[in-house]
PDB file of N, CA and C in Angstrom:
ATOM      1  N   UNK A   1     -49.367   2.036  -7.437  1.00  0.00           N
ATOM      2  CA  UNK A   1     -50.358   1.510  -8.344  1.00  0.00           C
ATOM      3  C   UNK A   1     -50.345   2.275  -9.667  1.00  0.00           C
ATOM      4  N   UNK A   2     -50.205   3.598  -9.597  1.00  0.00           N
ATOM      5  CA  UNK A   2     -50.199   4.409 -10.819  1.00  0.00           C
ATOM      6  C   UNK A   2     -48.996   4.085 -11.690  1.00  0.00           C
ATOM      7  N   UNK A   3     -47.837   3.860 -11.062  1.00  0.00           N
ATOM      8  CA  UNK A   3     -46.626   3.576 -11.832  1.00  0.00           C
ATOM      9  C   UNK A   3     -46.766   2.233 -12.548  1.00  0.00           C
ATOM     10  N   UNK A   4     -47.292   1.223 -11.857  1.00  0.00           N
ATOM     11  CA  UNK A   4     -47.457  -0.071 -12.519  1.00  0.00           C
ATOM     12  C   UNK A   4     -48.457   0.038 -13.670  1.00  0.00           C
ATOM     13  N   UNK A   5     -49.488   0.863 -13.517  1.00  0.00           N
ATOM     14  CA  UNK A   5     -50.439   1.072 -14.608  1.00  0.00           C
ATOM     15  C   UNK A   5     -49.762   1.745 -15.791  1.00  0.00           C
ATOM     16  N   UNK A   6     -48.876   2.689 -15.502  1.00  0.00           N
ATOM     17  CA  UNK A   6     -48.138   3.370 -16.563  1.00  0.00           C
ATOM     18  C   UNK A   6     -47.274   2.380 -17.318  1.00  0.00           C
ATOM     19  N   UNK A   7     -46.559   1.512 -16.598  1.00  0.00           N
ATOM     20  CA  UNK A   7     -45.697   0.529 -17.238  1.00  0.00           C
ATOM     21  C   UNK A   7     -46.516  -0.451 -18.085  1.00  0.00           C
ATOM     22  N   UNK A   8     -47.652  -0.873 -17.572  1.00  0.00           N
ATOM     23  CA  UNK A   8     -48.503  -1.776 -18.338  1.00  0.00           C
ATOM     24  C   UNK A   8     -49.026  -1.086 -19.593  1.00  0.00           C
ATOM     25  N   UNK A   9     -49.375   0.180 -19.458  1.00  0.00           N
ATOM     26  CA  UNK A   9     -49.837   0.940 -20.618  1.00  0.00           C
ATOM     27  C   UNK A   9     -48.753   1.092 -21.662  1.00  0.00           C
ATOM     28  N   UNK A  10     -47.544   1.401 -21.215  1.00  0.00           N
ATOM     29  CA  UNK A  10     -46.430   1.538 -22.153  1.00  0.00           C
ATOM     30  C   UNK A  10     -46.096   0.207 -22.802  1.00  0.00           C
ATOM     31  N   UNK A  11     -46.185  -0.871 -22.047  1.00  0.00           N
ATOM     32  CA  UNK A  11     -45.923  -2.191 -22.611  1.00  0.00           C
ATOM     33  C   UNK A  11     -46.936  -2.513 -23.692  1.00  0.00           C
ATOM     34  N   UNK A  12     -48.189  -2.184 -23.436  1.00  0.00           N
ATOM     35  CA  UNK A  12     -49.233  -2.436 -24.431  1.00  0.00           C
ATOM     36  C   UNK A  12     -49.013  -1.587 -25.672  1.00  0.00           C
ATOM     37  N   UNK A  13     -48.646  -0.336 -25.472  1.00  0.00           N
ATOM     38  CA  UNK A  13     -48.391   0.557 -26.604  1.00  0.00           C
ATOM     39  C   UNK A  13     -47.188   0.071 -27.396  1.00  0.00           C
ATOM     40  N   UNK A  14     -46.133  -0.359 -26.699  1.00  0.00           N
ATOM     41  CA  UNK A  14     -44.938  -0.811 -27.407  1.00  0.00           C
ATOM     42  C   UNK A  14     -45.217  -2.061 -28.228  1.00  0.00           C
ATOM     43  N   UNK A  15     -46.127  -2.873 -27.771  1.00  0.00           N
ATOM     44  CA  UNK A  15     -46.461  -4.088 -28.507  1.00  0.00           C
ATOM     45  C   UNK A  15     -47.291  -3.779 -29.748  1.00  0.00           C
ATOM     46  N   UNK A  16     -47.968  -2.637 -29.758  1.00  0.00           N
ATOM     47  CA  UNK A  16     -48.853  -2.320 -30.869  1.00  0.00           C
ATOM     48  C   UNK A  16     -48.350  -1.183 -31.744  1.00  0.00           C
ATOM     49  N   UNK A  17     -47.217  -0.586 -31.415  1.00  0.00           N
ATOM     50  CA  UNK A  17     -46.738   0.542 -32.207  1.00  0.00           C
ATOM     51  C   UNK A  17     -46.176   0.073 -33.533  1.00  0.00           C
ATOM     52  N   UNK A  18     -46.273   0.937 -34.503  1.00  0.00           N
ATOM     53  CA  UNK A  18     -45.700   0.672 -35.808  1.00  0.00           C
ATOM     54  C   UNK A  18     -44.234   1.049 -35.735  1.00  0.00           C
ATOM     55  N   UNK A  19     -43.330   0.192 -36.184  1.00  0.00           N
ATOM     56  CA  UNK A  19     -41.920   0.523 -36.122  1.00  0.00           C
ATOM     57  C   UNK A  19     -41.600   1.764 -36.937  1.00  0.00           C
ATOM     58  N   UNK A  20     -40.546   2.462 -36.543  1.00  0.00           N
ATOM     59  CA  UNK A  20     -40.170   3.702 -37.209  1.00  0.00           C
ATOM     60  C   UNK A  20     -39.913   3.482 -38.691  1.00  0.00           C
ATOM     61  N   UNK A  21     -39.458   2.301 -39.061  1.00  0.00           N
ATOM     62  CA  UNK A  21     -39.154   2.021 -40.459  1.00  0.00           C
ATOM     63  C   UNK A  21     -40.411   2.037 -41.330  1.00  0.00           C
ATOM     64  N   UNK A  22     -41.564   2.041 -40.718  1.00  0.00           N
ATOM     65  CA  UNK A  22     -42.806   2.034 -41.483  1.00  0.00           C
ATOM     66  C   UNK A  22     -43.200   3.418 -41.976  1.00  0.00           C
ATOM     67  N   UNK A  23     -42.487   4.440 -41.553  1.00  0.00           N
ATOM     68  CA  UNK A  23     -42.794   5.785 -42.037  1.00  0.00           C
ATOM     69  C   UNK A  23     -42.493   5.876 -43.525  1.00  0.00           C
ATOM     70  N   UNK A  24     -43.386   6.486 -44.234  1.00  0.00           N
ATOM     71  CA  UNK A  24     -43.217   6.658 -45.666  1.00  0.00           C
ATOM     72  C   UNK A  24     -42.464   7.950 -45.910  1.00  0.00           C
ATOM     73  N   UNK A  25     -41.559   7.941 -46.878  1.00  0.00           N
ATOM     74  CA  UNK A  25     -40.903   9.177 -47.270  1.00  0.00           C
ATOM     75  C   UNK A  25     -39.429   9.236 -46.938  1.00  0.00           C
ATOM     76  N   UNK A  26     -38.971   8.438 -46.048  1.00  0.00           N
ATOM     77  CA  UNK A  26     -37.556   8.484 -45.690  1.00  0.00           C
ATOM     78  C   UNK A  26     -37.040   7.057 -45.643  1.00  0.00           C
ATOM     79  N   UNK A  27     -36.041   6.770 -46.474  1.00  0.00           N
ATOM     80  CA  UNK A  27     -35.548   5.396 -46.588  1.00  0.00           C
ATOM     81  C   UNK A  27     -34.603   5.022 -45.444  1.00  0.00           C
ATOM     82  N   UNK A  28     -33.817   5.965 -44.970  1.00  0.00           N
ATOM     83  CA  UNK A  28     -32.803   5.635 -43.979  1.00  0.00           C
ATOM     84  C   UNK A  28     -33.027   6.403 -42.685  1.00  0.00           C
ATOM     85  N   UNK A  29     -33.157   5.675 -41.607  1.00  0.00           N
ATOM     86  CA  UNK A  29     -33.138   6.273 -40.280  1.00  0.00           C
ATOM     87  C   UNK A  29     -32.785   5.188 -39.279  1.00  0.00           C
ATOM     88  N   UNK A  30     -32.380   5.571 -38.078  1.00  0.00           N
ATOM     89  CA  UNK A  30     -31.929   4.583 -37.097  1.00  0.00           C
ATOM     90  C   UNK A  30     -33.003   3.539 -36.793  1.00  0.00           C
ATOM     91  N   UNK A  31     -32.531   2.364 -36.479  1.00  0.00           N
ATOM     92  CA  UNK A  31     -33.429   1.263 -36.130  1.00  0.00           C
ATOM     93  C   UNK A  31     -33.884   1.446 -34.685  1.00  0.00           C
ATOM     94  N   UNK A  32     -35.150   1.227 -34.453  1.00  0.00           N
ATOM     95  CA  UNK A  32     -35.707   1.301 -33.108  1.00  0.00           C
ATOM     96  C   UNK A  32     -35.623  -0.092 -32.500  1.00  0.00           C
ATOM     97  N   UNK A  33     -35.130  -0.177 -31.276  1.00  0.00           N
ATOM     98  CA  UNK A  33     -35.007  -1.471 -30.602  1.00  0.00           C
ATOM     99  C   UNK A  33     -36.384  -2.095 -30.416  1.00  0.00           C
ATOM    100  N   UNK A  34     -36.453  -3.384 -30.676  1.00  0.00           N
ATOM    101  CA  UNK A  34     -37.725  -4.091 -30.472  1.00  0.00           C
ATOM    102  C   UNK A  34     -37.743  -4.842 -29.149  1.00  0.00           C
ATOM    103  N   UNK A  35     -36.577  -5.054 -28.565  1.00  0.00           N
ATOM    104  CA  UNK A  35     -36.476  -5.742 -27.283  1.00  0.00           C
ATOM    105  C   UNK A  35     -35.450  -5.034 -26.415  1.00  0.00           C
ATOM    106  N   UNK A  36     -35.631  -5.097 -25.110  1.00  0.00           N
ATOM    107  CA  UNK A  36     -34.687  -4.426 -24.213  1.00  0.00           C
ATOM    108  C   UNK A  36     -33.342  -5.150 -24.150  1.00  0.00           C
ATOM    109  N   UNK A  37     -32.333  -4.421 -23.752  1.00  0.00           N
ATOM    110  CA  UNK A  37     -30.999  -4.983 -23.577  1.00  0.00           C
ATOM    111  C   UNK A  37     -31.065  -6.065 -22.505  1.00  0.00           C
ATOM    112  N   UNK A  38     -30.475  -7.213 -22.796  1.00  0.00           N
ATOM    113  CA  UNK A  38     -30.404  -8.361 -21.884  1.00  0.00           C
ATOM    114  C   UNK A  38     -31.785  -8.829 -21.442  1.00  0.00           C
ATOM    115  N   UNK A  39     -32.827  -8.459 -22.167  1.00  0.00           N
ATOM    116  CA  UNK A  39     -34.177  -8.889 -21.825  1.00  0.00           C
ATOM    117  C   UNK A  39     -34.712  -8.297 -20.535  1.00  0.00           C
ATOM    118  N   UNK A  40     -34.116  -7.171 -20.086  1.00  0.00           N
ATOM    119  CA  UNK A  40     -34.502  -6.557 -18.815  1.00  0.00           C
ATOM    120  C   UNK A  40     -35.503  -5.431 -19.077  1.00  0.00           C
ATOM    121  N   UNK A  41     -36.722  -5.642 -18.599  1.00  0.00           N
ATOM    122  CA  UNK A  41     -37.768  -4.625 -18.713  1.00  0.00           C
ATOM    123  C   UNK A  41     -37.740  -3.783 -17.445  1.00  0.00           C
ATOM    124  N   UNK A  42     -37.105  -2.617 -17.539  1.00  0.00           N
ATOM    125  CA  UNK A  42     -37.028  -1.725 -16.389  1.00  0.00           C
ATOM    126  C   UNK A  42     -37.463  -0.324 -16.818  1.00  0.00           C
ATOM    127  N   UNK A  43     -37.353   0.623 -15.902  1.00  0.00           N
ATOM    128  CA  UNK A  43     -37.836   1.978 -16.208  1.00  0.00           C
ATOM    129  C   UNK A  43     -37.061   2.621 -17.350  1.00  0.00           C
ATOM    130  N   UNK A  44     -35.800   2.215 -17.536  1.00  0.00           N
ATOM    131  CA  UNK A  44     -35.013   2.794 -18.617  1.00  0.00           C
ATOM    132  C   UNK A  44     -35.518   2.319 -19.972  1.00  0.00           C
ATOM    133  N   UNK A  45     -35.986   1.083 -20.046  1.00  0.00           N
ATOM    134  CA  UNK A  45     -36.593   0.562 -21.274  1.00  0.00           C
ATOM    135  C   UNK A  45     -37.871   1.331 -21.586  1.00  0.00           C
ATOM    136  N   UNK A  46     -38.690   1.524 -20.576  1.00  0.00           N
ATOM    137  CA  UNK A  46     -39.951   2.235 -20.795  1.00  0.00           C
ATOM    138  C   UNK A  46     -39.716   3.715 -21.090  1.00  0.00           C
ATOM    139  N   UNK A  47     -38.681   4.298 -20.509  1.00  0.00           N
ATOM    140  CA  UNK A  47     -38.317   5.676 -20.857  1.00  0.00           C
ATOM    141  C   UNK A  47     -37.899   5.749 -22.328  1.00  0.00           C
ATOM    142  N   UNK A  48     -37.139   4.755 -22.761  1.00  0.00           N
ATOM    143  CA  UNK A  48     -36.708   4.689 -24.157  1.00  0.00           C
ATOM    144  C   UNK A  48     -37.926   4.605 -25.082  1.00  0.00           C
ATOM    145  N   UNK A  49     -38.864   3.712 -24.755  1.00  0.00           N
ATOM    146  CA  UNK A  49     -40.074   3.583 -25.571  1.00  0.00           C
ATOM    147  C   UNK A  49     -40.869   4.885 -25.613  1.00  0.00           C
ATOM    148  N   UNK A  50     -40.944   5.542 -24.480  1.00  0.00           N
ATOM    149  CA  UNK A  50     -41.646   6.824 -24.421  1.00  0.00           C
ATOM    150  C   UNK A  50     -40.964   7.845 -25.323  1.00  0.00           C
ATOM    151  N   UNK A  51     -39.634   7.892 -25.292  1.00  0.00           N
ATOM    152  CA  UNK A  51     -38.886   8.819 -26.147  1.00  0.00           C
ATOM    153  C   UNK A  51     -39.123   8.523 -27.627  1.00  0.00           C
ATOM    154  N   UNK A  52     -39.150   7.238 -27.979  1.00  0.00           N
ATOM    155  CA  UNK A  52     -39.384   6.854 -29.376  1.00  0.00           C
ATOM    156  C   UNK A  52     -40.793   7.255 -29.808  1.00  0.00           C
ATOM    157  N   UNK A  53     -41.773   6.990 -28.958  1.00  0.00           N
ATOM    158  CA  UNK A  53     -43.157   7.354 -29.294  1.00  0.00           C
ATOM    159  C   UNK A  53     -43.313   8.866 -29.427  1.00  0.00           C
ATOM    160  N   UNK A  54     -42.643   9.604 -28.553  1.00  0.00           N
ATOM    161  CA  UNK A  54     -42.703  11.068 -28.625  1.00  0.00           C
ATOM    162  C   UNK A  54     -42.051  11.573 -29.912  1.00  0.00           C
ATOM    163  N   UNK A  55     -40.915  10.985 -30.287  1.00  0.00           N
ATOM    164  CA  UNK A  55     -40.247  11.387 -31.529  1.00  0.00           C
ATOM    165  C   UNK A  55     -41.128  11.073 -32.727  1.00  0.00           C
ATOM    166  N   UNK A  56     -41.801   9.927 -32.698  1.00  0.00           N
ATOM    167  CA  UNK A  56     -42.724   9.541 -33.762  1.00  0.00           C
ATOM    168  C   UNK A  56     -43.847  10.559 -33.910  1.00  0.00           C
ATOM    169  N   UNK A  57     -44.433  10.905 -32.786  1.00  0.00           N
ATOM    170  CA  UNK A  57     -45.544  11.860 -32.771  1.00  0.00           C
ATOM    171  C   UNK A  57     -45.088  13.229 -33.297  1.00  0.00           C
ATOM    172  N   UNK A  58     -43.906  13.643 -32.861  1.00  0.00           N
ATOM    173  CA  UNK A  58     -43.389  14.942 -33.298  1.00  0.00           C
ATOM    174  C   UNK A  58     -43.075  14.937 -34.791  1.00  0.00           C
ATOM    175  N   UNK A  59     -42.537  13.825 -35.296  1.00  0.00           N
ATOM    176  CA  UNK A  59     -42.249  13.728 -36.727  1.00  0.00           C
ATOM    177  C   UNK A  59     -43.538  13.875 -37.532  1.00  0.00           C
ATOM    178  N   UNK A  60     -44.554  13.150 -37.138  1.00  0.00           N
ATOM    179  CA  UNK A  60     -45.826  13.231 -37.866  1.00  0.00           C
ATOM    180  C   UNK A  60     -46.378  14.650 -37.860  1.00  0.00           C
ATOM    181  N   UNK A  61     -46.269  15.303 -36.715  1.00  0.00           N
ATOM    182  CA  UNK A  61     -46.748  16.678 -36.608  1.00  0.00           C
ATOM    183  C   UNK A  61     -45.925  17.613 -37.498  1.00  0.00           C
ATOM    184  N   UNK A  62     -44.596  17.456 -37.453  1.00  0.00           N
ATOM    185  CA  UNK A  62     -43.725  18.310 -38.264  1.00  0.00           C
ATOM    186  C   UNK A  62     -43.963  18.098 -39.756  1.00  0.00           C
ATOM    187  N   UNK A  63     -44.176  16.845 -40.155  1.00  0.00           N
ATOM    188  CA  UNK A  63     -44.418  16.578 -41.576  1.00  0.00           C
ATOM    189  C   UNK A  63     -45.761  17.144 -42.033  1.00  0.00           C
ATOM    190  N   UNK A  64     -46.742  17.124 -41.146  1.00  0.00           N
ATOM    191  CA  UNK A  64     -48.048  17.702 -41.483  1.00  0.00           C
ATOM    192  C   UNK A  64     -47.937  19.213 -41.716  1.00  0.00           C
ATOM    193  N   UNK A  65     -47.081  19.864 -40.910  1.00  0.00           N
ATOM    194  CA  UNK A  65     -46.947  21.318 -41.013  1.00  0.00           C
ATOM    195  C   UNK A  65     -45.920  21.757 -42.049  1.00  0.00           C
ATOM    196  N   UNK A  66     -45.171  20.809 -42.619  1.00  0.00           N
ATOM    197  CA  UNK A  66     -44.117  21.155 -43.581  1.00  0.00           C
ATOM    198  C   UNK A  66     -44.715  21.820 -44.813  1.00  0.00           C
ATOM    199  N   UNK A  67     -44.064  22.897 -45.227  1.00  0.00           N
ATOM    200  CA  UNK A  67     -44.548  23.617 -46.401  1.00  0.00           C
ATOM    201  C   UNK A  67     -43.658  23.403 -47.618  1.00  0.00           C
ATOM    202  N   UNK A  68     -42.446  22.886 -47.415  1.00  0.00           N
ATOM    203  CA  UNK A  68     -41.555  22.627 -48.545  1.00  0.00           C
ATOM    204  C   UNK A  68     -40.625  21.464 -48.200  1.00  0.00           C
ATOM    205  N   UNK A  69     -39.775  21.112 -49.157  1.00  0.00           N
ATOM    206  CA  UNK A  69     -38.863  19.976 -48.972  1.00  0.00           C
ATOM    207  C   UNK A  69     -37.856  20.218 -47.850  1.00  0.00           C
ATOM    208  N   UNK A  70     -37.443  21.448 -47.661  1.00  0.00           N
ATOM    209  CA  UNK A  70     -36.492  21.756 -46.589  1.00  0.00           C
ATOM    210  C   UNK A  70     -37.110  21.480 -45.216  1.00  0.00           C
ATOM    211  N   UNK A  71     -38.369  21.832 -45.051  1.00  0.00           N
ATOM    212  CA  UNK A  71     -39.068  21.540 -43.794  1.00  0.00           C
ATOM    213  C   UNK A  71     -39.131  20.034 -43.540  1.00  0.00           C
ATOM    214  N   UNK A  72     -39.388  19.268 -44.603  1.00  0.00           N
ATOM    215  CA  UNK A  72     -39.444  17.812 -44.464  1.00  0.00           C
ATOM    216  C   UNK A  72     -38.079  17.242 -44.094  1.00  0.00           C
ATOM    217  N   UNK A  73     -37.032  17.747 -44.755  1.00  0.00           N
ATOM    218  CA  UNK A  73     -35.674  17.281 -44.426  1.00  0.00           C
ATOM    219  C   UNK A  73     -35.326  17.608 -42.981  1.00  0.00           C
ATOM    220  N   UNK A  74     -35.694  18.806 -42.546  1.00  0.00           N
ATOM    221  CA  UNK A  74     -35.431  19.197 -41.154  1.00  0.00           C
ATOM    222  C   UNK A  74     -36.172  18.294 -40.173  1.00  0.00           C
ATOM    223  N   UNK A  75     -37.412  17.954 -40.495  1.00  0.00           N
ATOM    224  CA  UNK A  75     -38.209  17.079 -39.624  1.00  0.00           C
ATOM    225  C   UNK A  75     -37.559  15.713 -39.519  1.00  0.00           C
ATOM    226  N   UNK A  76     -37.133  15.145 -40.647  1.00  0.00           N
ATOM    227  CA  UNK A  76     -36.489  13.832 -40.629  1.00  0.00           C
ATOM    228  C   UNK A  76     -35.148  13.882 -39.902  1.00  0.00           C
ATOM    229  N   UNK A  77     -34.403  14.958 -40.105  1.00  0.00           N
ATOM    230  CA  UNK A  77     -33.110  15.093 -39.422  1.00  0.00           C
ATOM    231  C   UNK A  77     -33.304  15.157 -37.907  1.00  0.00           C
ATOM    232  N   UNK A  78     -34.284  15.918 -37.464  1.00  0.00           N
ATOM    233  CA  UNK A  78     -34.576  16.007 -36.031  1.00  0.00           C
ATOM    234  C   UNK A  78     -35.031  14.653 -35.495  1.00  0.00           C
ATOM    235  N   UNK A  79     -35.840  13.950 -36.266  1.00  0.00           N
ATOM    236  CA  UNK A  79     -36.317  12.624 -35.868  1.00  0.00           C
ATOM    237  C   UNK A  79     -35.142  11.660 -35.684  1.00  0.00           C
ATOM    238  N   UNK A  80     -34.256  11.622 -36.672  1.00  0.00           N
ATOM    239  CA  UNK A  80     -33.070  10.755 -36.576  1.00  0.00           C
ATOM    240  C   UNK A  80     -32.246  11.103 -35.354  1.00  0.00           C
ATOM    241  N   UNK A  81     -32.059  12.393 -35.121  1.00  0.00           N
ATOM    242  CA  UNK A  81     -31.271  12.851 -33.968  1.00  0.00           C
ATOM    243  C   UNK A  81     -31.922  12.396 -32.660  1.00  0.00           C
ATOM    244  N   UNK A  82     -33.230  12.515 -32.566  1.00  0.00           N
ATOM    245  CA  UNK A  82     -33.928  12.126 -31.336  1.00  0.00           C
ATOM    246  C   UNK A  82     -33.866  10.622 -31.100  1.00  0.00           C
ATOM    247  N   UNK A  83     -33.967   9.824 -32.165  1.00  0.00           N
ATOM    248  CA  UNK A  83     -33.857   8.379 -32.009  1.00  0.00           C
ATOM    249  C   UNK A  83     -32.459   7.960 -31.556  1.00  0.00           C
ATOM    250  N   UNK A  84     -31.453   8.562 -32.159  1.00  0.00           N
ATOM    251  CA  UNK A  84     -30.068   8.251 -31.775  1.00  0.00           C
ATOM    252  C   UNK A  84     -29.829   8.666 -30.331  1.00  0.00           C
ATOM    253  N   UNK A  85     -30.315   9.835 -29.952  1.00  0.00           N
ATOM    254  CA  UNK A  85     -30.141  10.329 -28.589  1.00  0.00           C
ATOM    255  C   UNK A  85     -30.851   9.429 -27.580  1.00  0.00           C
ATOM    256  N   UNK A  86     -32.071   8.998 -27.890  1.00  0.00           N
ATOM    257  CA  UNK A  86     -32.814   8.110 -26.990  1.00  0.00           C
ATOM    258  C   UNK A  86     -32.075   6.791 -26.812  1.00  0.00           C
ATOM    259  N   UNK A  87     -31.561   6.237 -27.903  1.00  0.00           N
ATOM    260  CA  UNK A  87     -30.831   4.973 -27.831  1.00  0.00           C
ATOM    261  C   UNK A  87     -29.540   5.135 -27.035  1.00  0.00           C
ATOM    262  N   UNK A  88     -28.852   6.218 -27.274  1.00  0.00           N
ATOM    263  CA  UNK A  88     -27.600   6.485 -26.548  1.00  0.00           C
ATOM    264  C   UNK A  88     -27.856   6.586 -25.045  1.00  0.00           C
ATOM    265  N   UNK A  89     -28.888   7.309 -24.668  1.00  0.00           N
ATOM    266  CA  UNK A  89     -29.225   7.444 -23.244  1.00  0.00           C
ATOM    267  C   UNK A  89     -29.585   6.095 -22.637  1.00  0.00           C
ATOM    268  N   UNK A  90     -30.361   5.304 -23.364  1.00  0.00           N
ATOM    269  CA  UNK A  90     -30.782   3.995 -22.864  1.00  0.00           C
ATOM    270  C   UNK A  90     -29.574   3.070 -22.679  1.00  0.00           C
ATOM    271  N   UNK A  91     -28.721   3.008 -23.676  1.00  0.00           N
ATOM    272  CA  UNK A  91     -27.533   2.145 -23.600  1.00  0.00           C
ATOM    273  C   UNK A  91     -26.639   2.587 -22.450  1.00  0.00           C
ATOM    274  N   UNK A  92     -26.477   3.884 -22.281  1.00  0.00           N
ATOM    275  CA  UNK A  92     -25.632   4.407 -21.197  1.00  0.00           C
ATOM    276  C   UNK A  92     -26.187   4.022 -19.821  1.00  0.00           C
ATOM    277  N   UNK A  93     -27.497   4.159 -19.647  1.00  0.00           N
ATOM    278  CA  UNK A  93     -28.112   3.785 -18.368  1.00  0.00           C
ATOM    279  C   UNK A  93     -27.946   2.293 -18.090  1.00  0.00           C
ATOM    280  N   UNK A  94     -28.128   1.480 -19.105  1.00  0.00           N
ATOM    281  CA  UNK A  94     -27.988   0.034 -18.919  1.00  0.00           C
ATOM    282  C   UNK A  94     -26.523  -0.342 -18.670  1.00  0.00           C
ATOM    283  N   UNK A  95     -25.627   0.336 -19.347  1.00  0.00           N
ATOM    284  CA  UNK A  95     -24.204   0.076 -19.138  1.00  0.00           C
ATOM    285  C   UNK A  95     -23.801   0.429 -17.706  1.00  0.00           C
ATOM    286  N   UNK A  96     -24.360   1.518 -17.169  1.00  0.00           N
ATOM    287  CA  UNK A  96     -24.079   1.907 -15.785  1.00  0.00           C
ATOM    288  C   UNK A  96     -24.532   0.834 -14.801  1.00  0.00           C
ATOM    289  N   UNK A  97     -25.494   0.013 -15.211  1.00  0.00           N
ATOM    290  CA  UNK A  97     -26.008  -1.049 -14.350  1.00  0.00           C
ATOM    291  C   UNK A  97     -25.440  -2.410 -14.726  1.00  0.00           C
ATOM    292  N   UNK A  98     -24.329  -2.389 -15.479  1.00  0.00           N
ATOM    293  CA  UNK A  98     -23.578  -3.585 -15.891  1.00  0.00           C
ATOM    294  C   UNK A  98     -24.322  -4.508 -16.843  1.00  0.00           C
ATOM    295  N   UNK A  99     -25.226  -3.950 -17.641  1.00  0.00           N
ATOM    296  CA  UNK A  99     -25.826  -4.698 -18.742  1.00  0.00           C
ATOM    297  C   UNK A  99     -25.140  -4.216 -20.006  1.00  0.00           C
ATOM    298  N   UNK A 100     -24.706  -5.148 -20.824  1.00  0.00           N
ATOM    299  CA  UNK A 100     -23.992  -4.788 -22.034  1.00  0.00           C
ATOM    300  C   UNK A 100     -24.805  -5.115 -23.282  1.00  0.00           C
ATOM    301  N   UNK A 101     -24.547  -4.359 -24.321  1.00  0.00           N
ATOM    302  CA  UNK A 101     -25.156  -4.622 -25.609  1.00  0.00           C
ATOM    303  C   UNK A 101     -24.282  -5.663 -26.303  1.00  0.00           C
ATOM    304  N   UNK A 102     -24.904  -6.743 -26.746  1.00  0.00           N
ATOM    305  CA  UNK A 102     -24.136  -7.799 -27.433  1.00  0.00           C
ATOM    306  C   UNK A 102     -23.643  -7.325 -28.781  1.00  0.00           C
ATOM    307  N   UNK A 103     -22.444  -7.765 -29.144  1.00  0.00           N
ATOM    308  CA  UNK A 103     -21.883  -7.400 -30.434  1.00  0.00           C
ATOM    309  C   UNK A 103     -21.213  -8.620 -31.026  1.00  0.00           C
ATOM    310  N   UNK A 104     -21.493  -8.928 -32.275  1.00  0.00           N
ATOM    311  CA  UNK A 104     -20.875 -10.044 -32.973  1.00  0.00           C
ATOM    312  C   UNK A 104     -19.951  -9.486 -34.016  1.00  0.00           C
ATOM    313  N   UNK A 105     -18.699  -9.965 -34.019  1.00  0.00           N
ATOM    314  CA  UNK A 105     -17.718  -9.533 -35.008  1.00  0.00           C
ATOM    315  C   UNK A 105     -17.312 -10.726 -35.846  1.00  0.00           C
ATOM    316  N   UNK A 106     -17.397 -10.583 -37.145  1.00  0.00           N
ATOM    317  CA  UNK A 106     -17.008 -11.650 -38.060  1.00  0.00           C
ATOM    318  C   UNK A 106     -15.786 -11.185 -38.822  1.00  0.00           C
ATOM    319  N   UNK A 107     -14.762 -12.012 -38.833  1.00  0.00           N
ATOM    320  CA  UNK A 107     -13.525 -11.653 -39.525  1.00  0.00           C
ATOM    321  C   UNK A 107     -12.514 -11.076 -38.548  1.00  0.00           C
ATOM    322  N   UNK A 108     -11.647 -10.237 -39.073  1.00  0.00           N
ATOM    323  CA  UNK A 108     -10.550  -9.700 -38.256  1.00  0.00           C
ATOM    324  C   UNK A 108     -11.048  -8.728 -37.276  1.00  0.00           C
TER     325      UNK A 108
END
């Protein structure tokens, strides 16, 4: 019962979270997935969402404590690294379960 409540809570949070691109101050950072791979809502999707929310929270905290531009750059760099790492872990777990990320190639 507790696990299903956790998943429902994470689903509600994911539906109401502000996308990472909404952060002010940094123009370029990795895109956060808005939907799970192959439309499969499993624990790996919710783990991914949890990682993204944690990275978001940590970025906000780091930016609040930043005293100079170098601190801000470090916070954004760590944020980008955490988002890429979360996505990599999620894709790897889904790939292990034979779900693939779709890719469209145009041209050669």
